[in-house]
Amino acid sequence: MKSLLSAKGAAFGLCAVLCSSLLSQQAWADDAKLMTELADLKARIEFLEKQLSAQPAAQPYSASTAEKWTDRIGFSGLVEVEAASVDGADENSSDITLAKVEIGLDAQVNEWVSASLLLLFEEDKTDPIAFDEAFIRIGNAEQSPFFLTAGLIHLPFGRFESHMVSDPITLDMGEFIETALQLGFEAGGWRSSLVLFNGDTKERGDDKVDQFGLDIGYYWQADDAEVEFDAALYYVNNIADSDGIQETIADADNLVDQVGGVGGHLVLSVGAFTVIGEYLTATEQFDAADLDFKGVGAEPVSWNLEAAYHFVLNDWDATIALAWQGTDEALALELPEQRLMLGISLGIMQNTSLNIEWANDDDYDVADGGTGKSSDSITAQLAVEF
């Protein structure tokens, strides 16, 4: 029995020695393989370092190089279709028109330069489609309060704010669309600019940059956005060049005298209520040969007073507004002496509104050269913005 145990012990010892020897050989083989792999990896790293050192330094990352050019361009559009019925003093009429189509493109060329285009079509007014705006702006509000705009722009002579379907009378008299240079300033809610342009009307045939405009305004909004205030004053040295007046000038290429124009507006919103007031006037009488009223030089005036209330109706954003507009000595411009308006707007779907307007126009008295009559109109408009 003792011999048997001794034999077993010897066999076990021999097995342990053999296993230990095999394990040592396997560990040595693994270590050798690992050392070889590390040497190969080190050689590869050294090769890549040499390759990188031979290449130009990588350009630093910037948003302008990382983004696509399409990310710096924005498109917008507006389509308005109107159905109107007019009960005039002498005749009645009705029509359905493609009242307005606008296609806008804005490009942020770099952090200082942007460009804007706005194409406009109005049935029976623009044929074919025309540029309403096309300008370049140099400025960066985050780094400087000053900016320069060059191109076809709407001059800052009038705000023409309204909740109605029709444009306010102030726009009919005072809107300027000119190719101009505008040097402006915007900071802390204040804004101001100087505009230089060569208008379509010429004083005694002079064809040069001799027209200019000035404006100053202020905008403020409460932290809770419940109160909003915007006011401005503006001046132009030749109001005859406005789109509404130049068409009625007897000889636009040979003005007897340039007549200045001044105006101002105030827009105040408090909660659900908004009040709009705007006033434009010539600074003096025109020469009767340029624009007359009752046989003497006209001194045209226009104004707009409007009050609006914003509310929710059947989950639709809605606005109801009442306006009183008028003119003085503007018979030659084919504008009414007084206009009363009532309008309602319903946001029936996202970016889609249905607007309805009633208007009553009173013409100038017979003694002033008018008809002394009045007319009524109802206009329904479907508008989509995108």
Protein backbone atom coordinates (compact mmCIF):
# COMPACT_ATOMS: atom_id res chain seq x y z
CA MET A 1 0.00 0.00 0.00
CA LYS A 2 2.82 2.38 0.87
CA SER A 3 4.52 1.55 -2.42
CA LEU A 4 1.34 2.34 -4.28
CA LEU A 5 1.07 5.76 -2.62
CA SER A 6 4.68 6.55 -3.33
CA ALA A 7 4.19 5.66 -7.00
CA LYS A 8 1.13 7.91 -7.22
CA GLY A 9 3.01 10.78 -5.59
CA ALA A 10 5.87 10.40 -8.00
CA ALA A 11 3.49 10.37 -10.97
CA PHE A 12 1.70 13.50 -9.70
CA GLY A 13 5.01 15.31 -9.23
CA LEU A 14 6.14 14.40 -12.73
CA CYS A 15 2.85 15.68 -14.15
CA ALA A 16 3.20 18.97 -12.25
CA VAL A 17 6.71 19.50 -13.56
CA LEU A 18 5.67 18.79 -17.16
CA CYS A 19 2.62 21.13 -16.90
CA SER A 20 4.72 23.88 -15.38
CA SER A 21 7.22 23.53 -18.18
CA LEU A 22 4.48 23.69 -20.85
CA LEU A 23 2.86 26.76 -19.27
CA SER A 24 6.19 28.55 -19.06
CA GLN A 25 6.84 27.88 -22.73
CA GLN A 26 3.31 29.19 -23.69
CA ALA A 27 3.75 32.38 -21.59
CA TRP A 28 7.13 32.99 -23.22
CA ALA A 29 5.58 32.56 -26.67
CA ASP A 30 2.77 34.99 -25.79
CA ASP A 31 5.22 37.58 -24.49
CA ALA A 32 7.31 37.30 -27.65
CA LYS A 33 4.22 37.77 -29.83
CA LEU A 34 3.14 40.83 -27.80
CA MET A 35 6.59 42.41 -28.10
CA THR A 36 6.51 41.89 -31.87
CA GLU A 37 3.06 43.55 -32.15
CA LEU A 38 4.20 46.53 -30.04
CA ALA A 39 7.26 46.97 -32.24
CA ASP A 40 5.05 46.95 -35.37
CA LEU A 41 2.64 49.50 -33.81
CA LYS A 42 5.53 51.79 -32.87
CA ALA A 43 6.85 51.65 -36.42
CA ARG A 44 3.43 52.53 -37.84
CA ILE A 45 3.05 55.52 -35.49
CA GLU A 46 6.49 56.84 -36.47
CA PHE A 47 5.54 56.47 -40.16
CA LEU A 48 2.25 58.38 -39.70
CA GLU A 49 4.00 61.16 -37.75
CA LYS A 50 6.44 61.61 -40.61
CA GLN A 51 3.58 61.75 -43.11
CA LEU A 52 1.65 64.37 -41.10
CA SER A 53 4.73 66.54 -40.56
CA ALA A 54 5.21 66.67 -44.33
CA GLN A 55 1.62 68.02 -44.93
CA PRO A 56 0.47 71.71 -44.55
CA ALA A 57 -1.06 72.65 -41.20
CA ALA A 58 -4.83 72.03 -41.00
CA GLN A 59 -7.04 75.13 -41.29
CA PRO A 60 -8.83 76.10 -38.07
CA TYR A 61 -12.56 75.33 -37.91
CA SER A 62 -14.98 78.14 -38.63
CA ALA A 63 -18.74 78.26 -39.15
CA SER A 64 -18.30 79.91 -42.54
CA THR A 65 -16.18 77.03 -43.90
CA ALA A 66 -18.16 74.26 -42.22
CA GLU A 67 -21.69 75.22 -43.31
CA LYS A 68 -23.06 74.76 -46.80
CA TRP A 69 -23.78 77.82 -48.95
CA THR A 70 -27.46 76.84 -48.92
CA ASP A 71 -27.50 77.34 -45.14
CA ARG A 72 -26.86 81.05 -45.69
CA ILE A 73 -29.85 81.62 -48.02
CA GLY A 74 -33.47 82.04 -47.00
CA PHE A 75 -36.60 82.06 -49.17
CA SER A 76 -40.02 83.50 -48.40
CA GLY A 77 -43.24 84.11 -50.25
CA LEU A 78 -46.71 85.63 -50.12
CA VAL A 79 -49.83 84.98 -52.22
CA GLU A 80 -53.00 87.06 -51.87
CA VAL A 81 -56.24 86.44 -53.78
CA GLU A 82 -59.03 88.99 -53.43
CA ALA A 83 -62.70 89.17 -54.34
CA ALA A 84 -64.17 92.70 -54.25
CA SER A 85 -67.50 94.36 -54.87
CA VAL A 86 -67.81 98.14 -55.24
CA ASP A 87 -71.06 100.10 -55.01
CA GLY A 88 -69.93 103.34 -56.59
CA ALA A 89 -71.65 106.67 -57.10
CA ASP A 90 -72.01 106.11 -60.84
CA GLU A 91 -71.56 102.37 -61.35
CA ASN A 92 -71.24 99.02 -59.58
CA SER A 93 -68.44 96.53 -60.20
CA SER A 94 -66.97 93.29 -58.89
CA ASP A 95 -63.87 91.25 -59.62
CA ILE A 96 -61.61 88.42 -58.46
CA THR A 97 -57.90 89.19 -58.73
CA LEU A 98 -54.51 87.77 -57.90
CA ALA A 99 -53.87 90.83 -55.77
CA LYS A 100 -50.27 90.18 -54.81
CA VAL A 101 -47.47 87.65 -55.21
CA GLU A 102 -44.13 88.20 -53.47
CA ILE A 103 -41.05 86.01 -53.69
CA GLY A 104 -38.18 86.96 -51.42
CA LEU A 105 -34.58 85.78 -51.23
CA ASP A 106 -32.11 86.77 -48.49
CA ALA A 107 -28.45 85.77 -48.49
CA GLN A 108 -25.95 86.23 -45.65
CA VAL A 109 -22.80 86.37 -47.78
CA ASN A 110 -20.48 86.69 -44.79
CA GLU A 111 -20.63 88.13 -41.29
CA TRP A 112 -20.63 91.70 -42.66
CA VAL A 113 -22.40 91.50 -46.03
CA SER A 114 -25.94 90.44 -46.93
CA ALA A 115 -28.11 90.78 -50.03
CA SER A 116 -31.89 90.78 -50.49
CA LEU A 117 -34.21 90.41 -53.47
CA LEU A 118 -38.00 90.81 -53.52
CA LEU A 119 -40.02 90.07 -56.65
CA LEU A 120 -43.54 91.48 -56.86
CA PHE A 121 -46.56 90.79 -59.06
CA GLU A 122 -49.88 92.61 -58.73
CA GLU A 123 -52.57 91.88 -61.28
CA ASP A 124 -53.35 94.90 -63.48
CA LYS A 125 -50.49 96.83 -61.83
CA THR A 126 -47.19 95.07 -62.55
CA ASP A 127 -46.74 93.47 -65.94
CA PRO A 128 -44.61 91.46 -65.98
CA ILE A 129 -43.25 90.64 -62.52
CA ALA A 130 -40.94 93.36 -61.19
CA PHE A 131 -38.31 93.89 -58.52
CA ASP A 132 -39.78 95.58 -55.46
CA GLU A 133 -36.44 95.47 -53.62
CA ALA A 134 -32.88 94.50 -54.59
CA PHE A 135 -30.07 95.70 -52.35
CA ILE A 136 -26.76 94.95 -50.67
CA ARG A 137 -26.23 95.73 -46.99
CA ILE A 138 -22.88 96.07 -45.28
CA GLY A 139 -23.13 95.91 -41.50
CA ASN A 140 -22.88 93.74 -38.43
CA ALA A 141 -25.13 94.78 -35.56
CA GLU A 142 -23.11 92.72 -33.06
CA GLN A 143 -19.92 94.63 -33.83
CA SER A 144 -21.02 98.07 -35.06
CA PRO A 145 -24.22 100.17 -34.92
CA PHE A 146 -23.59 101.58 -38.42
CA PHE A 147 -24.67 100.08 -41.74
CA LEU A 148 -24.65 100.93 -45.44
CA THR A 149 -27.41 99.86 -47.85
CA ALA A 150 -27.09 100.21 -51.63
CA GLY A 151 -29.69 99.32 -54.23
CA LEU A 152 -33.43 99.41 -54.83
CA ILE A 153 -35.08 100.09 -51.46
CA HIS A 154 -38.23 101.44 -49.82
CA LEU A 155 -37.19 104.79 -48.42
CA PRO A 156 -37.82 105.22 -44.67
CA PHE A 157 -40.55 107.79 -45.33
CA GLY A 158 -43.62 106.30 -43.67
CA ARG A 159 -44.31 103.01 -41.94
CA PHE A 160 -47.76 102.37 -43.50
CA GLU A 161 -48.86 99.95 -40.78
CA SER A 162 -52.43 98.67 -41.09
CA HIS A 163 -54.66 95.72 -40.21
CA MET A 164 -56.84 96.30 -43.27
CA VAL A 165 -56.86 94.52 -46.61
CA SER A 166 -56.26 97.77 -48.51
CA ASP A 167 -53.10 99.83 -48.20
CA PRO A 168 -53.56 102.98 -46.10
CA ILE A 169 -54.00 106.32 -47.84
CA THR A 170 -50.65 107.43 -46.44
CA LEU A 171 -48.95 104.77 -48.58
CA ASP A 172 -50.89 105.83 -51.68
CA MET A 173 -49.48 109.33 -51.24
CA GLY A 174 -46.05 108.84 -49.68
CA GLU A 175 -44.39 105.54 -50.66
CA PHE A 176 -40.93 105.86 -52.26
CA ILE A 177 -39.19 102.98 -54.05
CA GLU A 178 -35.82 104.24 -55.28
CA THR A 179 -32.32 103.08 -56.15
CA ALA A 180 -30.39 104.79 -53.38
CA LEU A 181 -27.53 104.82 -50.90
CA GLN A 182 -28.54 104.68 -47.24
CA LEU A 183 -26.13 105.27 -44.36
CA GLY A 184 -27.79 104.27 -41.11
CA PHE A 185 -27.39 103.78 -37.37
CA GLU A 186 -29.23 101.34 -35.04
CA ALA A 187 -28.49 100.90 -31.33
CA GLY A 188 -30.35 100.79 -28.03
CA GLY A 189 -33.74 101.00 -29.71
CA TRP A 190 -32.77 104.15 -31.65
CA ARG A 191 -32.44 104.25 -35.42
CA SER A 192 -31.60 106.96 -37.93
CA SER A 193 -30.44 107.18 -41.54
CA LEU A 194 -29.52 109.47 -44.42
CA VAL A 195 -30.63 108.46 -47.92
CA LEU A 196 -29.28 109.84 -51.22
CA PHE A 197 -30.90 109.17 -54.61
CA ASN A 198 -31.59 110.51 -58.10
CA GLY A 199 -35.37 110.45 -58.40
CA ASP A 200 -37.60 110.07 -61.43
CA THR A 201 -38.73 113.69 -61.26
CA LYS A 202 -36.26 116.36 -62.38
CA GLU A 203 -36.15 120.00 -61.37
CA ARG A 204 -35.81 121.94 -64.64
CA GLY A 205 -34.43 118.85 -66.35
CA ASP A 206 -31.43 118.36 -64.04
CA ASP A 207 -30.46 114.68 -64.02
CA LYS A 208 -28.31 114.27 -60.92
CA VAL A 209 -28.25 112.95 -57.36
CA ASP A 210 -29.96 115.92 -55.72
CA GLN A 211 -32.61 114.26 -53.58
CA PHE A 212 -32.25 113.03 -50.02
CA GLY A 213 -34.18 111.87 -47.00
CA LEU A 214 -33.65 111.79 -43.24
CA ASP A 215 -35.36 109.78 -40.54
CA ILE A 216 -35.08 109.15 -36.81
CA GLY A 217 -37.05 106.63 -34.78
CA TYR A 218 -37.22 104.76 -31.50
CA TYR A 219 -38.54 101.26 -30.64
CA TRP A 220 -39.17 99.86 -27.16
CA GLN A 221 -40.71 96.64 -25.85
CA ALA A 222 -41.44 95.67 -22.26
CA ASP A 223 -39.76 92.58 -20.83
CA ASP A 224 -43.08 90.75 -20.72
CA ALA A 225 -43.86 91.86 -24.32
CA GLU A 226 -47.21 93.23 -23.15
CA VAL A 227 -46.29 96.77 -24.20
CA GLU A 228 -44.66 97.70 -27.51
CA PHE A 229 -43.90 101.19 -28.77
CA ASP A 230 -42.56 102.47 -32.08
CA ALA A 231 -42.33 106.10 -33.22
CA ALA A 232 -40.47 107.94 -35.96
CA LEU A 233 -40.15 111.24 -37.81
CA TYR A 234 -39.03 111.53 -41.44
CA TYR A 235 -38.22 114.13 -44.06
CA VAL A 236 -37.61 114.09 -47.81
CA ASN A 237 -36.57 117.12 -49.87
CA ASN A 238 -38.80 116.25 -52.86
CA ILE A 239 -42.13 114.62 -52.06
CA ALA A 240 -43.11 114.92 -55.73
CA ASP A 241 -40.94 111.85 -56.34
CA SER A 242 -43.18 109.56 -54.28
CA ASP A 243 -44.79 106.81 -56.36
CA GLY A 244 -48.24 108.24 -55.73
CA ILE A 245 -47.49 111.88 -56.61
CA GLN A 246 -45.02 111.62 -59.51
CA GLU A 247 -47.71 110.03 -61.73
CA THR A 248 -49.87 113.16 -61.40
CA ILE A 249 -47.13 115.76 -61.91
CA ALA A 250 -47.84 117.69 -65.12
CA ASP A 251 -44.24 117.39 -66.42
CA ALA A 252 -42.14 115.10 -64.20
CA ASP A 253 -38.96 115.82 -66.17
CA ASN A 254 -39.28 119.58 -65.66
CA LEU A 255 -40.45 120.36 -62.14
CA VAL A 256 -40.74 124.07 -61.48
CA ASP A 257 -39.65 123.59 -57.86
CA GLN A 258 -38.93 120.72 -55.52
CA VAL A 259 -41.24 120.60 -52.50
CA GLY A 260 -40.22 118.85 -49.31
CA GLY A 261 -42.29 116.40 -47.30
CA VAL A 262 -42.42 115.55 -43.61
CA GLY A 263 -44.23 112.89 -41.64
CA GLY A 264 -44.34 110.76 -38.56
CA HIS A 265 -45.96 107.70 -37.06
CA LEU A 266 -46.76 106.20 -33.68
CA VAL A 267 -47.64 102.54 -33.13
CA LEU A 268 -48.56 101.50 -29.58
CA SER A 269 -49.58 98.01 -28.47
CA VAL A 270 -50.81 97.32 -24.93
CA GLY A 271 -51.92 93.77 -24.33
CA ALA A 272 -54.55 92.88 -26.92
CA PHE A 273 -54.97 96.47 -28.18
CA THR A 274 -53.01 98.28 -30.90
CA VAL A 275 -53.30 101.93 -31.91
CA ILE A 276 -51.75 103.30 -35.12
CA GLY A 277 -51.34 106.94 -36.10
CA GLU A 278 -49.53 108.31 -39.15
CA TYR A 279 -49.40 111.73 -40.82
CA LEU A 280 -47.71 112.95 -44.02
CA THR A 281 -47.70 116.43 -45.56
CA ALA A 282 -45.90 118.59 -48.08
CA THR A 283 -43.92 121.35 -46.39
CA GLU A 284 -45.30 124.04 -48.73
CA GLN A 285 -47.49 124.53 -51.77
CA PHE A 286 -46.45 123.12 -55.13
CA ASP A 287 -46.26 125.44 -58.06
CA ALA A 288 -49.67 125.30 -59.75
CA ALA A 289 -47.97 124.16 -62.96
CA ASP A 290 -46.73 121.02 -61.15
CA LEU A 291 -49.68 120.08 -58.92
CA ASP A 292 -52.77 122.19 -58.41
CA PHE A 293 -55.83 122.30 -56.18
CA LYS A 294 -58.69 124.67 -56.98
CA GLY A 295 -56.51 126.61 -59.43
CA VAL A 296 -53.56 127.20 -57.09
CA GLY A 297 -50.62 125.12 -55.95
CA ALA A 298 -51.62 122.09 -53.88
CA GLU A 299 -50.18 121.26 -50.46
CA PRO A 300 -51.29 117.61 -50.10
CA VAL A 301 -51.81 115.97 -46.72
CA SER A 302 -52.76 112.41 -45.74
CA TRP A 303 -53.33 110.61 -42.44
CA ASN A 304 -54.38 107.29 -40.94
CA LEU A 305 -55.83 106.57 -37.49
CA GLU A 306 -56.51 102.94 -36.62
CA ALA A 307 -57.44 100.88 -33.57
CA ALA A 308 -57.31 97.09 -33.41
CA TYR A 309 -58.20 94.36 -30.92
CA HIS A 310 -56.58 90.91 -31.03
CA PHE A 311 -58.41 87.86 -29.63
CA VAL A 312 -59.01 84.13 -30.13
CA LEU A 313 -62.14 82.93 -31.93
CA ASN A 314 -62.81 79.21 -32.22
CA ASP A 315 -59.06 78.51 -31.71
CA TRP A 316 -58.24 81.00 -34.49
CA ASP A 317 -56.09 84.07 -33.94
CA ALA A 318 -58.37 86.97 -34.84
CA THR A 319 -58.16 90.74 -35.15
CA ILE A 320 -60.90 93.31 -35.55
CA ALA A 321 -59.93 96.86 -36.54
CA LEU A 322 -61.52 100.23 -37.23
CA ALA A 323 -59.80 102.96 -39.26
CA TRP A 324 -60.37 106.59 -40.20
CA GLN A 325 -58.25 107.89 -43.04
CA GLY A 326 -58.25 111.14 -44.95
CA THR A 327 -56.53 113.66 -47.19
CA ASP A 328 -56.46 117.39 -47.83
CA GLU A 329 -55.73 119.09 -51.15
CA ALA A 330 -55.08 115.66 -52.70
CA LEU A 331 -57.85 115.67 -55.32
CA ALA A 332 -55.30 115.44 -58.15
CA LEU A 333 -53.96 112.21 -56.60
CA GLU A 334 -57.41 110.61 -57.04
CA LEU A 335 -57.65 109.92 -53.33
CA PRO A 336 -60.85 110.32 -51.30
CA GLU A 337 -61.21 113.17 -48.84
CA GLN A 338 -62.29 110.72 -46.15
CA ARG A 339 -62.38 106.95 -45.72
CA LEU A 340 -63.96 104.85 -42.96
CA MET A 341 -63.00 101.18 -42.70
CA LEU A 342 -63.88 98.09 -40.69
CA GLY A 343 -61.83 94.92 -41.00
CA ILE A 344 -61.58 91.47 -39.48
CA SER A 345 -58.78 88.94 -39.90
CA LEU A 346 -58.93 85.23 -39.05
CA GLY A 347 -55.91 82.91 -38.93
CA ILE A 348 -57.83 79.90 -40.23
CA MET A 349 -54.72 77.70 -40.60
CA GLN A 350 -50.99 77.99 -40.02
CA ASN A 351 -49.66 80.89 -42.14
CA THR A 352 -53.08 81.17 -43.79
CA SER A 353 -55.55 83.98 -43.12
CA LEU A 354 -58.98 85.07 -44.28
CA ASN A 355 -59.46 88.86 -44.19
CA ILE A 356 -62.65 90.83 -44.79
CA GLU A 357 -62.89 94.61 -45.15
CA TRP A 358 -65.68 97.14 -45.55
CA ALA A 359 -64.79 100.66 -46.68
CA ASN A 360 -66.74 103.86 -47.29
CA ASP A 361 -65.10 106.61 -49.38
CA ASP A 362 -66.27 110.24 -49.49
CA ASP A 363 -65.08 112.25 -52.48
CA TYR A 364 -64.17 115.94 -52.36
CA ASP A 365 -67.06 118.42 -52.58
CA VAL A 366 -68.15 119.78 -55.92
CA ALA A 367 -66.84 123.21 -54.90
CA ASP A 368 -63.38 121.65 -54.53
CA GLY A 369 -63.54 119.95 -57.91
CA GLY A 370 -64.83 116.57 -56.74
CA THR A 371 -68.17 114.81 -57.12
CA GLY A 372 -69.38 115.17 -53.54
CA LYS A 373 -70.50 111.52 -53.66
CA SER A 374 -69.60 108.43 -51.67
CA SER A 375 -69.03 104.76 -52.46
CA ASP A 376 -68.91 101.51 -50.52
CA SER A 377 -66.81 98.42 -51.08
CA ILE A 378 -66.46 94.96 -49.56
CA THR A 379 -63.29 92.96 -50.08
CA ALA A 380 -62.49 89.38 -49.04
CA GLN A 381 -58.89 88.22 -49.14
CA LEU A 382 -57.28 84.80 -48.76
CA ALA A 383 -53.57 85.14 -47.95
CA VAL A 384 -50.82 82.53 -47.53
CA GLU A 385 -47.28 83.26 -46.30
CA PHE A 386 -44.38 80.86 -46.49
